[in-house]
């Protein structure tokens, strides 16, 4: 459980670093997740790549 929390908080902090609103990012990403996504698709949802795809 502690590892899961660390990952979650790291993602939220990453949003701050790349100047994304964590709540907006999380809301959008959770709406896009699918059971059959491959690793590359998931990687595109991480804050840094997500921000680059929006620019």
N, C-alpha and C. Protein backbone atom coordinates (compact mmCIF):
# COMPACT_ATOMS: atom_id res chain seq x y z
N UNK A 1 0.82 -1.19 0.00
CA UNK A 1 0.00 0.00 0.00
C UNK A 1 0.86 1.26 0.00
N UNK A 2 1.95 1.25 0.72
CA UNK A 2 2.82 2.43 0.76
C UNK A 2 3.43 2.70 -0.62
N UNK A 3 3.76 1.62 -1.33
CA UNK A 3 4.32 1.80 -2.67
C UNK A 3 3.29 2.40 -3.62
N UNK A 4 2.04 1.96 -3.51
CA UNK A 4 0.97 2.52 -4.34
C UNK A 4 0.79 4.01 -4.05
N UNK A 5 0.81 4.38 -2.79
CA UNK A 5 0.70 5.80 -2.42
C UNK A 5 1.86 6.60 -2.96
N UNK A 6 3.06 6.06 -2.89
CA UNK A 6 4.24 6.77 -3.39
C UNK A 6 4.12 7.01 -4.90
N UNK A 7 3.63 6.03 -5.62
CA UNK A 7 3.45 6.19 -7.07
C UNK A 7 2.41 7.27 -7.35
N UNK A 8 1.29 7.22 -6.65
CA UNK A 8 0.22 8.19 -6.85
C UNK A 8 0.72 9.62 -6.57
N UNK A 9 1.39 9.81 -5.45
CA UNK A 9 1.88 11.14 -5.11
C UNK A 9 2.97 11.60 -6.07
N UNK A 10 3.77 10.68 -6.57
CA UNK A 10 4.78 11.04 -7.57
C UNK A 10 4.13 11.54 -8.85
N UNK A 11 3.05 10.90 -9.25
CA UNK A 11 2.33 11.35 -10.44
C UNK A 11 1.75 12.75 -10.23
N UNK A 12 1.18 12.99 -9.06
CA UNK A 12 0.63 14.31 -8.78
C UNK A 12 1.72 15.38 -8.74
N UNK A 13 2.85 15.06 -8.16
CA UNK A 13 3.97 16.00 -8.13
C UNK A 13 4.51 16.25 -9.54
N UNK A 14 4.50 15.22 -10.36
CA UNK A 14 4.94 15.38 -11.74
C UNK A 14 4.03 16.36 -12.49
N UNK A 15 2.77 16.34 -12.17
CA UNK A 15 1.84 17.31 -12.77
C UNK A 15 2.27 18.73 -12.41
N UNK A 16 2.60 18.95 -11.16
CA UNK A 16 3.05 20.28 -10.74
C UNK A 16 4.31 20.70 -11.47
N UNK A 17 5.24 19.77 -11.65
CA UNK A 17 6.51 20.08 -12.31
C UNK A 17 6.28 20.52 -13.75
N UNK A 18 5.37 19.86 -14.45
CA UNK A 18 5.12 20.21 -15.85
C UNK A 18 3.95 21.19 -16.01
N UNK A 19 3.51 21.74 -14.90
CA UNK A 19 2.48 22.77 -14.86
C UNK A 19 1.13 22.30 -15.41
N UNK A 20 0.71 21.14 -14.94
CA UNK A 20 -0.63 20.64 -15.20
C UNK A 20 -1.42 20.71 -13.90
N UNK A 21 -2.70 20.95 -14.01
CA UNK A 21 -3.56 20.88 -12.84
C UNK A 21 -3.80 19.40 -12.54
N UNK A 22 -3.34 18.92 -11.38
CA UNK A 22 -3.47 17.49 -11.10
C UNK A 22 -4.89 16.94 -11.23
N UNK A 23 -5.87 17.68 -10.76
CA UNK A 23 -7.25 17.19 -10.84
C UNK A 23 -7.71 17.08 -12.29
N UNK A 24 -7.39 18.07 -13.12
CA UNK A 24 -7.77 18.02 -14.53
C UNK A 24 -7.09 16.85 -15.23
N UNK A 25 -5.79 16.68 -14.97
CA UNK A 25 -5.05 15.57 -15.58
C UNK A 25 -5.65 14.23 -15.16
N UNK A 26 -5.86 14.06 -13.87
CA UNK A 26 -6.37 12.79 -13.35
C UNK A 26 -7.77 12.49 -13.89
N UNK A 27 -8.63 13.49 -13.95
CA UNK A 27 -9.98 13.30 -14.48
C UNK A 27 -9.93 12.85 -15.93
N UNK A 28 -9.09 13.50 -16.74
CA UNK A 28 -8.98 13.14 -18.15
C UNK A 28 -8.39 11.74 -18.33
N UNK A 29 -7.31 11.47 -17.61
CA UNK A 29 -6.64 10.18 -17.75
C UNK A 29 -7.54 9.03 -17.31
N UNK A 30 -8.23 9.18 -16.22
CA UNK A 30 -9.11 8.10 -15.76
C UNK A 30 -10.23 7.83 -16.76
N UNK A 31 -10.66 8.87 -17.47
CA UNK A 31 -11.69 8.70 -18.50
C UNK A 31 -11.16 8.00 -19.74
N UNK A 32 -9.85 8.04 -19.96
CA UNK A 32 -9.25 7.45 -21.16
C UNK A 32 -8.77 6.02 -20.95
N UNK A 33 -8.57 5.60 -19.73
CA UNK A 33 -8.02 4.26 -19.48
C UNK A 33 -8.98 3.16 -19.96
N UNK A 34 -8.38 2.15 -20.60
CA UNK A 34 -9.13 0.98 -21.06
C UNK A 34 -8.38 -0.26 -20.62
N UNK A 35 -9.08 -1.35 -20.50
CA UNK A 35 -8.46 -2.62 -20.10
C UNK A 35 -7.44 -3.13 -21.12
N UNK A 36 -7.65 -2.83 -22.39
CA UNK A 36 -6.81 -3.40 -23.43
C UNK A 36 -5.70 -2.45 -23.93
N UNK A 37 -5.35 -1.44 -23.16
CA UNK A 37 -4.31 -0.49 -23.57
C UNK A 37 -2.94 -1.15 -23.52
N UNK A 38 -2.12 -0.84 -24.52
CA UNK A 38 -0.76 -1.36 -24.48
C UNK A 38 0.14 -0.38 -23.71
N UNK A 39 1.36 -0.79 -23.46
CA UNK A 39 2.28 0.01 -22.64
C UNK A 39 2.54 1.38 -23.23
N UNK A 40 2.68 1.47 -24.54
CA UNK A 40 2.95 2.77 -25.18
C UNK A 40 1.78 3.75 -24.98
N UNK A 41 0.57 3.24 -25.07
CA UNK A 41 -0.60 4.10 -24.86
C UNK A 41 -0.64 4.60 -23.42
N UNK A 42 -0.32 3.74 -22.48
CA UNK A 42 -0.31 4.14 -21.07
C UNK A 42 0.79 5.16 -20.82
N UNK A 43 1.95 4.95 -21.41
CA UNK A 43 3.07 5.88 -21.23
C UNK A 43 2.70 7.29 -21.72
N UNK A 44 1.89 7.38 -22.75
CA UNK A 44 1.47 8.68 -23.28
C UNK A 44 0.58 9.44 -22.30
N UNK A 45 0.04 8.75 -21.31
CA UNK A 45 -0.84 9.40 -20.33
C UNK A 45 -0.07 9.92 -19.11
N UNK A 46 1.21 9.58 -19.00
CA UNK A 46 2.01 10.11 -17.89
C UNK A 46 2.15 11.62 -18.05
N UNK A 47 2.22 12.36 -16.95
CA UNK A 47 2.16 13.82 -17.02
C UNK A 47 3.07 14.48 -18.06
N UNK A 48 4.33 14.10 -18.13
CA UNK A 48 5.26 14.76 -19.05
C UNK A 48 4.84 14.56 -20.51
N UNK A 49 4.54 13.33 -20.88
CA UNK A 49 4.15 13.04 -22.26
C UNK A 49 2.75 13.59 -22.56
N UNK A 50 1.88 13.53 -21.57
CA UNK A 50 0.53 14.08 -21.72
C UNK A 50 0.60 15.56 -22.03
N UNK A 51 1.43 16.28 -21.29
CA UNK A 51 1.60 17.73 -21.50
C UNK A 51 2.13 17.99 -22.90
N UNK A 52 3.16 17.25 -23.33
CA UNK A 52 3.73 17.44 -24.67
C UNK A 52 2.71 17.19 -25.76
N UNK A 53 1.82 16.23 -25.55
CA UNK A 53 0.81 15.92 -26.57
C UNK A 53 -0.25 17.01 -26.66
N UNK A 54 -0.34 17.85 -25.65
CA UNK A 54 -1.33 18.93 -25.62
C UNK A 54 -0.77 20.24 -26.17
N UNK A 55 0.53 20.29 -26.41
CA UNK A 55 1.15 21.55 -26.89
C UNK A 55 1.13 21.64 -28.39
